[in-house]
């Protein structure tokens, strides 16, 4: 027995669709042909070219029902996050002549002295 090709099955489906009456179900001999080509072709070209759906194939028992995932999906994933780096206060002073003084984390005791000296 020679294997039937997807082209041949497509031609038979096309011929049947040209001669069928509205509401006719796909006849068993055509389903038998689909079953013959399933092991030899990928599923997507079969359903596209024969204008079928995966649910139709499942209803006929030609496809296994979708299984649940084999590995369990974790309900929650814990991530260890580092705290953001501490920010340091920054003081920027600018005089009327355009000179700028930038200080990172100045101590409070020196801040007043720096401001009065810089702006004087």
N, C-alpha and C. Protein backbone atom coordinates (compact mmCIF):
# COMPACT_ATOMS: atom_id res chain seq x y z
N UNK A 1 0.84 -1.18 0.00
CA UNK A 1 0.00 0.00 0.00
C UNK A 1 0.90 1.25 0.00
N UNK A 2 0.71 2.13 -0.94
CA UNK A 2 1.51 3.35 -1.02
C UNK A 2 0.88 4.43 -0.15
N UNK A 3 1.74 5.23 0.45
CA UNK A 3 1.25 6.31 1.31
C UNK A 3 0.62 7.40 0.46
N UNK A 4 -0.48 7.91 0.93
CA UNK A 4 -1.16 8.99 0.22
C UNK A 4 -0.49 10.31 0.62
N UNK A 5 -0.44 11.24 -0.31
CA UNK A 5 0.20 12.52 -0.04
C UNK A 5 -0.83 13.54 0.42
N UNK A 6 -0.34 14.59 1.04
CA UNK A 6 -1.22 15.67 1.47
C UNK A 6 -1.87 16.34 0.27
N UNK A 7 -1.16 16.43 -0.84
CA UNK A 7 -1.73 17.01 -2.07
C UNK A 7 -2.95 16.22 -2.52
N UNK A 8 -2.85 14.90 -2.48
CA UNK A 8 -3.97 14.06 -2.91
C UNK A 8 -5.17 14.22 -1.98
N UNK A 9 -4.90 14.26 -0.69
CA UNK A 9 -6.00 14.44 0.27
C UNK A 9 -6.64 15.81 0.08
N UNK A 10 -5.83 16.82 -0.17
CA UNK A 10 -6.36 18.17 -0.40
C UNK A 10 -7.26 18.18 -1.63
N UNK A 11 -6.84 17.49 -2.70
CA UNK A 11 -7.67 17.42 -3.91
C UNK A 11 -9.00 16.74 -3.63
N UNK A 12 -8.99 15.69 -2.85
CA UNK A 12 -10.23 14.97 -2.53
C UNK A 12 -11.16 15.83 -1.67
N UNK A 13 -10.59 16.58 -0.73
CA UNK A 13 -11.40 17.49 0.07
C UNK A 13 -12.00 18.58 -0.81
N UNK A 14 -11.19 19.13 -1.73
CA UNK A 14 -11.68 20.17 -2.63
C UNK A 14 -12.82 19.63 -3.48
N UNK A 15 -12.66 18.44 -4.04
CA UNK A 15 -13.71 17.83 -4.86
C UNK A 15 -14.98 17.61 -4.05
N UNK A 16 -14.82 17.11 -2.84
CA UNK A 16 -15.99 16.89 -1.99
C UNK A 16 -16.69 18.21 -1.68
N UNK A 17 -15.93 19.27 -1.40
CA UNK A 17 -16.54 20.56 -1.07
C UNK A 17 -17.28 21.15 -2.26
N UNK A 18 -16.83 20.85 -3.47
CA UNK A 18 -17.51 21.35 -4.67
C UNK A 18 -18.85 20.66 -4.90
N UNK A 19 -18.98 19.43 -4.43
CA UNK A 19 -20.20 18.65 -4.72
C UNK A 19 -21.10 18.46 -3.50
N UNK A 20 -20.69 18.87 -2.35
CA UNK A 20 -21.49 18.61 -1.15
C UNK A 20 -22.68 19.55 -1.07
N UNK A 21 -23.62 19.15 -0.24
CA UNK A 21 -24.77 20.00 0.04
C UNK A 21 -24.48 20.75 1.34
N UNK A 22 -25.12 21.88 1.51
CA UNK A 22 -24.92 22.66 2.73
C UNK A 22 -25.27 21.82 3.95
N UNK A 23 -24.41 21.86 4.93
CA UNK A 23 -24.65 21.13 6.17
C UNK A 23 -24.14 19.70 6.17
N UNK A 24 -23.64 19.21 5.02
CA UNK A 24 -23.09 17.85 4.98
C UNK A 24 -21.86 17.76 5.86
N UNK A 25 -21.76 16.66 6.59
CA UNK A 25 -20.57 16.41 7.41
C UNK A 25 -19.51 15.76 6.54
N UNK A 26 -18.26 15.94 6.96
CA UNK A 26 -17.15 15.33 6.23
C UNK A 26 -17.32 13.82 6.31
N UNK A 27 -17.32 13.14 5.15
CA UNK A 27 -17.54 11.69 5.17
C UNK A 27 -16.35 10.93 5.78
N UNK A 28 -16.66 9.75 6.30
CA UNK A 28 -15.65 8.91 6.96
C UNK A 28 -14.46 8.60 6.06
N UNK A 29 -14.63 8.30 4.76
CA UNK A 29 -13.45 8.03 3.93
C UNK A 29 -12.45 9.19 3.89
N UNK A 30 -12.95 10.44 3.95
CA UNK A 30 -12.03 11.58 3.98
C UNK A 30 -11.32 11.66 5.34
N UNK A 31 -12.03 11.36 6.42
CA UNK A 31 -11.38 11.33 7.72
C UNK A 31 -10.32 10.24 7.78
N UNK A 32 -10.59 9.13 7.12
CA UNK A 32 -9.60 8.05 7.07
C UNK A 32 -8.33 8.51 6.36
N UNK A 33 -8.50 9.33 5.31
CA UNK A 33 -7.33 9.86 4.59
C UNK A 33 -6.54 10.83 5.49
N UNK A 34 -7.27 11.64 6.25
CA UNK A 34 -6.60 12.56 7.18
C UNK A 34 -5.77 11.76 8.18
N UNK A 35 -6.34 10.68 8.67
CA UNK A 35 -5.63 9.83 9.63
C UNK A 35 -4.36 9.24 9.01
N UNK A 36 -4.39 8.96 7.72
CA UNK A 36 -3.22 8.39 7.05
C UNK A 36 -2.09 9.41 6.89
N UNK A 37 -2.44 10.69 6.66
CA UNK A 37 -1.39 11.69 6.44
C UNK A 37 -0.86 12.29 7.75
N UNK A 38 -1.61 12.17 8.84
CA UNK A 38 -1.17 12.77 10.11
C UNK A 38 0.23 12.35 10.55
N UNK A 39 0.62 11.08 10.44
CA UNK A 39 1.97 10.72 10.90
C UNK A 39 3.09 11.23 9.99
N UNK A 40 2.76 11.68 8.78
CA UNK A 40 3.79 12.02 7.80
C UNK A 40 3.97 13.52 7.57
N UNK A 41 3.08 14.33 8.11
CA UNK A 41 3.13 15.78 7.89
C UNK A 41 2.94 16.50 9.22
N UNK A 42 3.41 17.73 9.27
CA UNK A 42 3.17 18.55 10.46
C UNK A 42 1.70 18.94 10.49
N UNK A 43 1.22 19.22 11.69
CA UNK A 43 -0.20 19.49 11.89
C UNK A 43 -0.66 20.78 11.21
N UNK A 44 0.13 21.83 11.30
CA UNK A 44 -0.29 23.12 10.76
C UNK A 44 -0.58 23.07 9.26
N UNK A 45 0.29 22.50 8.42
CA UNK A 45 -0.05 22.42 6.99
C UNK A 45 -1.31 21.59 6.74
N UNK A 46 -1.51 20.55 7.52
CA UNK A 46 -2.69 19.71 7.32
C UNK A 46 -3.96 20.51 7.58
N UNK A 47 -4.04 21.17 8.72
CA UNK A 47 -5.27 21.89 9.03
C UNK A 47 -5.49 23.09 8.12
N UNK A 48 -4.42 23.73 7.67
CA UNK A 48 -4.57 24.86 6.75
C UNK A 48 -5.03 24.41 5.37
N UNK A 49 -4.37 23.43 4.84
CA UNK A 49 -4.67 23.01 3.47
C UNK A 49 -6.00 22.28 3.35
N UNK A 50 -6.40 21.58 4.41
CA UNK A 50 -7.66 20.85 4.36
C UNK A 50 -8.81 21.65 4.98
N UNK A 51 -8.50 22.85 5.44
CA UNK A 51 -9.50 23.73 6.06
C UNK A 51 -10.21 23.03 7.21
N UNK A 52 -9.41 22.48 8.11
CA UNK A 52 -9.92 21.80 9.30
C UNK A 52 -9.44 22.56 10.53
N UNK A 53 -9.96 22.19 11.67
CA UNK A 53 -9.50 22.78 12.93
C UNK A 53 -9.00 21.67 13.84
N UNK A 54 -8.21 22.07 14.81
CA UNK A 54 -7.71 21.07 15.75
C UNK A 54 -8.86 20.48 16.57
N UNK A 55 -9.89 21.29 16.83
CA UNK A 55 -11.02 20.75 17.59
C UNK A 55 -11.76 19.68 16.78
N UNK A 56 -11.84 19.84 15.45
CA UNK A 56 -12.46 18.80 14.62
C UNK A 56 -11.64 17.50 14.70
N UNK A 57 -10.33 17.65 14.67
CA UNK A 57 -9.47 16.46 14.75
C UNK A 57 -9.60 15.78 16.12
N UNK A 58 -9.72 16.59 17.17
CA UNK A 58 -9.89 16.01 18.51
C UNK A 58 -11.22 15.28 18.63
N UNK A 59 -12.27 15.88 18.06
CA UNK A 59 -13.60 15.26 18.13
C UNK A 59 -13.61 13.90 17.44
N UNK A 60 -12.82 13.75 16.40
CA UNK A 60 -12.75 12.48 15.68
C UNK A 60 -11.75 11.52 16.32
N UNK A 61 -11.08 11.97 17.38
CA UNK A 61 -10.12 11.11 18.06
C UNK A 61 -8.79 11.02 17.35
N UNK A 62 -8.51 11.97 16.46
CA UNK A 62 -7.26 11.94 15.71
C UNK A 62 -6.13 12.70 16.42
N UNK A 63 -6.48 13.50 17.40
CA UNK A 63 -5.48 14.23 18.18
C UNK A 63 -5.73 13.95 19.65
N UNK A 64 -4.65 13.85 20.39
CA UNK A 64 -4.78 13.68 21.84
C UNK A 64 -5.19 15.01 22.44
N UNK A 65 -5.92 14.94 23.53
CA UNK A 65 -6.29 16.17 24.23
C UNK A 65 -5.04 16.78 24.83
N UNK A 66 -5.05 18.08 24.93
CA UNK A 66 -3.88 18.78 25.48
C UNK A 66 -3.66 18.35 26.92
N UNK A 67 -2.44 17.95 27.20
CA UNK A 67 -2.09 17.52 28.54
C UNK A 67 -1.75 18.73 29.40
N UNK A 68 -1.86 18.53 30.70
CA UNK A 68 -1.44 19.57 31.63
C UNK A 68 0.09 19.62 31.60
N UNK A 69 0.66 20.75 31.93
CA UNK A 69 2.13 20.84 31.96
C UNK A 69 2.72 19.77 32.86
N UNK A 70 3.83 19.19 32.42
CA UNK A 70 4.44 18.11 33.18
C UNK A 70 5.16 18.60 34.42
N UNK A 71 5.72 19.78 34.38
CA UNK A 71 6.41 20.30 35.55
C UNK A 71 5.48 21.27 36.28
N UNK A 72 5.45 21.21 37.59
CA UNK A 72 4.56 22.11 38.32
C UNK A 72 5.04 23.56 38.20
N UNK A 73 4.09 24.44 38.11
CA UNK A 73 4.41 25.86 38.02
C UNK A 73 4.43 26.41 39.44
N UNK A 74 5.52 27.04 39.83
CA UNK A 74 5.58 27.55 41.20
C UNK A 74 4.54 28.64 41.42
N UNK A 75 3.93 28.62 42.59
CA UNK A 75 2.90 29.60 42.90
C UNK A 75 3.51 30.98 43.12
N UNK A 76 4.71 31.01 43.68
CA UNK A 76 5.33 32.29 43.99
C UNK A 76 6.84 32.12 43.91
N UNK A 77 7.49 33.09 43.34
CA UNK A 77 8.95 33.07 43.25
C UNK A 77 9.48 34.20 44.12
N UNK A 78 10.34 33.85 45.05
CA UNK A 78 10.93 34.85 45.94
C UNK A 78 12.21 35.38 45.31
N UNK A 79 12.30 36.69 45.25
CA UNK A 79 13.50 37.35 44.74
C UNK A 79 14.19 38.07 45.89
N UNK A 80 15.48 37.88 45.99
CA UNK A 80 16.25 38.58 47.02
C UNK A 80 16.75 39.88 46.41
N UNK A 81 16.22 40.98 46.89
CA UNK A 81 16.61 42.29 46.37
C UNK A 81 17.50 43.01 47.37
N UNK A 82 18.49 43.67 46.85
CA UNK A 82 19.38 44.47 47.69
C UNK A 82 18.73 45.84 47.89
N UNK A 83 18.87 46.41 49.07
CA UNK A 83 18.32 47.76 49.26
C UNK A 83 19.08 48.75 48.38
N UNK A 84 18.40 49.79 47.93
CA UNK A 84 19.10 50.77 47.10
C UNK A 84 20.18 51.47 47.92
N UNK A 85 21.22 51.93 47.25
CA UNK A 85 22.28 52.61 47.99
C UNK A 85 21.74 53.88 48.64
N UNK A 86 22.25 54.17 49.81
CA UNK A 86 21.81 55.36 50.54
C UNK A 86 22.24 56.60 49.77
N UNK A 87 21.35 57.54 49.68
CA UNK A 87 21.70 58.79 49.00
C UNK A 87 22.29 59.76 50.02
N UNK A 88 23.16 60.57 49.52
CA UNK A 88 23.80 61.56 50.39
C UNK A 88 23.29 62.93 49.98
N UNK A 89 23.09 63.78 50.95
CA UNK A 89 22.63 65.13 50.60
C UNK A 89 23.72 65.87 49.82
N UNK A 90 23.24 66.71 48.92
CA UNK A 90 24.16 67.49 48.09
C UNK A 90 23.75 68.96 48.20
N UNK A 91 24.70 69.79 48.42
CA UNK A 91 24.45 71.23 48.54
C UNK A 91 25.16 71.92 47.39
N UNK A 92 24.39 72.71 46.62
CA UNK A 92 24.97 73.45 45.49
C UNK A 92 24.72 74.93 45.75
N UNK A 93 25.79 75.70 45.78
CA UNK A 93 25.70 77.15 45.97
C UNK A 93 26.21 77.83 44.71
N UNK A 94 25.53 78.92 44.34
CA UNK A 94 25.96 79.67 43.16
C UNK A 94 25.92 81.16 43.50
N UNK A 95 27.04 81.82 43.18
CA UNK A 95 27.12 83.26 43.43
C UNK A 95 26.58 84.02 42.23
N UNK A 96 26.40 85.32 42.42
CA UNK A 96 25.89 86.18 41.35
C UNK A 96 26.87 86.27 40.18
N UNK A 97 28.16 86.01 40.40
CA UNK A 97 29.14 86.05 39.30
C UNK A 97 29.24 84.72 38.56
N UNK A 98 28.39 83.71 38.94
CA UNK A 98 28.35 82.44 38.23
C UNK A 98 29.20 81.34 38.81
N UNK A 99 29.98 81.62 39.84
CA UNK A 99 30.81 80.60 40.46
C UNK A 99 29.91 79.68 41.28
N UNK A 100 30.13 78.34 41.09
CA UNK A 100 29.31 77.35 41.79
C UNK A 100 30.18 76.55 42.75
N UNK A 101 29.56 76.17 43.86
CA UNK A 101 30.21 75.31 44.84
C UNK A 101 29.26 74.14 45.11
N UNK A 102 29.72 72.92 44.84
CA UNK A 102 28.91 71.72 45.09
C UNK A 102 29.56 70.93 46.20
N UNK A 103 28.78 70.59 47.21
CA UNK A 103 29.28 69.82 48.34
C UNK A 103 28.39 68.60 48.52
N UNK A 104 29.03 67.45 48.65
CA UNK A 104 28.28 66.22 48.90
C UNK A 104 28.41 65.88 50.36
N UNK A 105 27.27 65.70 51.02
CA UNK A 105 27.17 65.35 52.44
C UNK A 105 27.97 66.28 53.34
N UNK A 106 27.71 67.58 53.25
CA UNK A 106 28.43 68.47 54.17
C UNK A 106 27.87 68.29 55.58
N UNK A 107 28.73 68.46 56.56
CA UNK A 107 28.26 68.35 57.94
C UNK A 107 27.50 69.64 58.28
N UNK A 108 26.54 69.51 59.17
CA UNK A 108 25.70 70.66 59.51
C UNK A 108 26.53 71.78 60.17
N UNK A 109 27.52 71.39 60.93
CA UNK A 109 28.31 72.40 61.63
C UNK A 109 29.14 73.25 60.67
N UNK A 110 29.53 72.67 59.54
CA UNK A 110 30.35 73.43 58.58
C UNK A 110 29.51 74.12 57.51
N UNK A 111 28.26 73.72 57.37
CA UNK A 111 27.43 74.27 56.29
C UNK A 111 27.26 75.78 56.44
N UNK A 112 26.92 76.25 57.60
CA UNK A 112 26.71 77.69 57.81
C UNK A 112 27.99 78.47 57.50
N UNK A 113 29.11 77.98 57.97
CA UNK A 113 30.40 78.64 57.73
C UNK A 113 30.71 78.69 56.24
N UNK A 114 30.48 77.59 55.53
CA UNK A 114 30.75 77.54 54.08
C UNK A 114 29.86 78.52 53.32
N UNK A 115 28.60 78.58 53.69
CA UNK A 115 27.67 79.48 52.99
C UNK A 115 28.09 80.93 53.19
N UNK A 116 28.33 81.32 54.40
CA UNK A 116 28.69 82.72 54.66
C UNK A 116 30.02 83.09 54.01
N UNK A 117 30.98 82.20 54.03
CA UNK A 117 32.29 82.48 53.42
C UNK A 117 32.18 82.53 51.91
N UNK A 118 31.45 81.60 51.31
CA UNK A 118 31.34 81.52 49.85
C UNK A 118 30.55 82.70 49.28
N UNK A 119 29.49 83.08 49.94
CA UNK A 119 28.64 84.15 49.42
C UNK A 119 29.15 85.54 49.81
N UNK A 120 30.14 85.66 50.67
CA UNK A 120 30.64 86.96 51.09
C UNK A 120 31.40 87.67 50.01
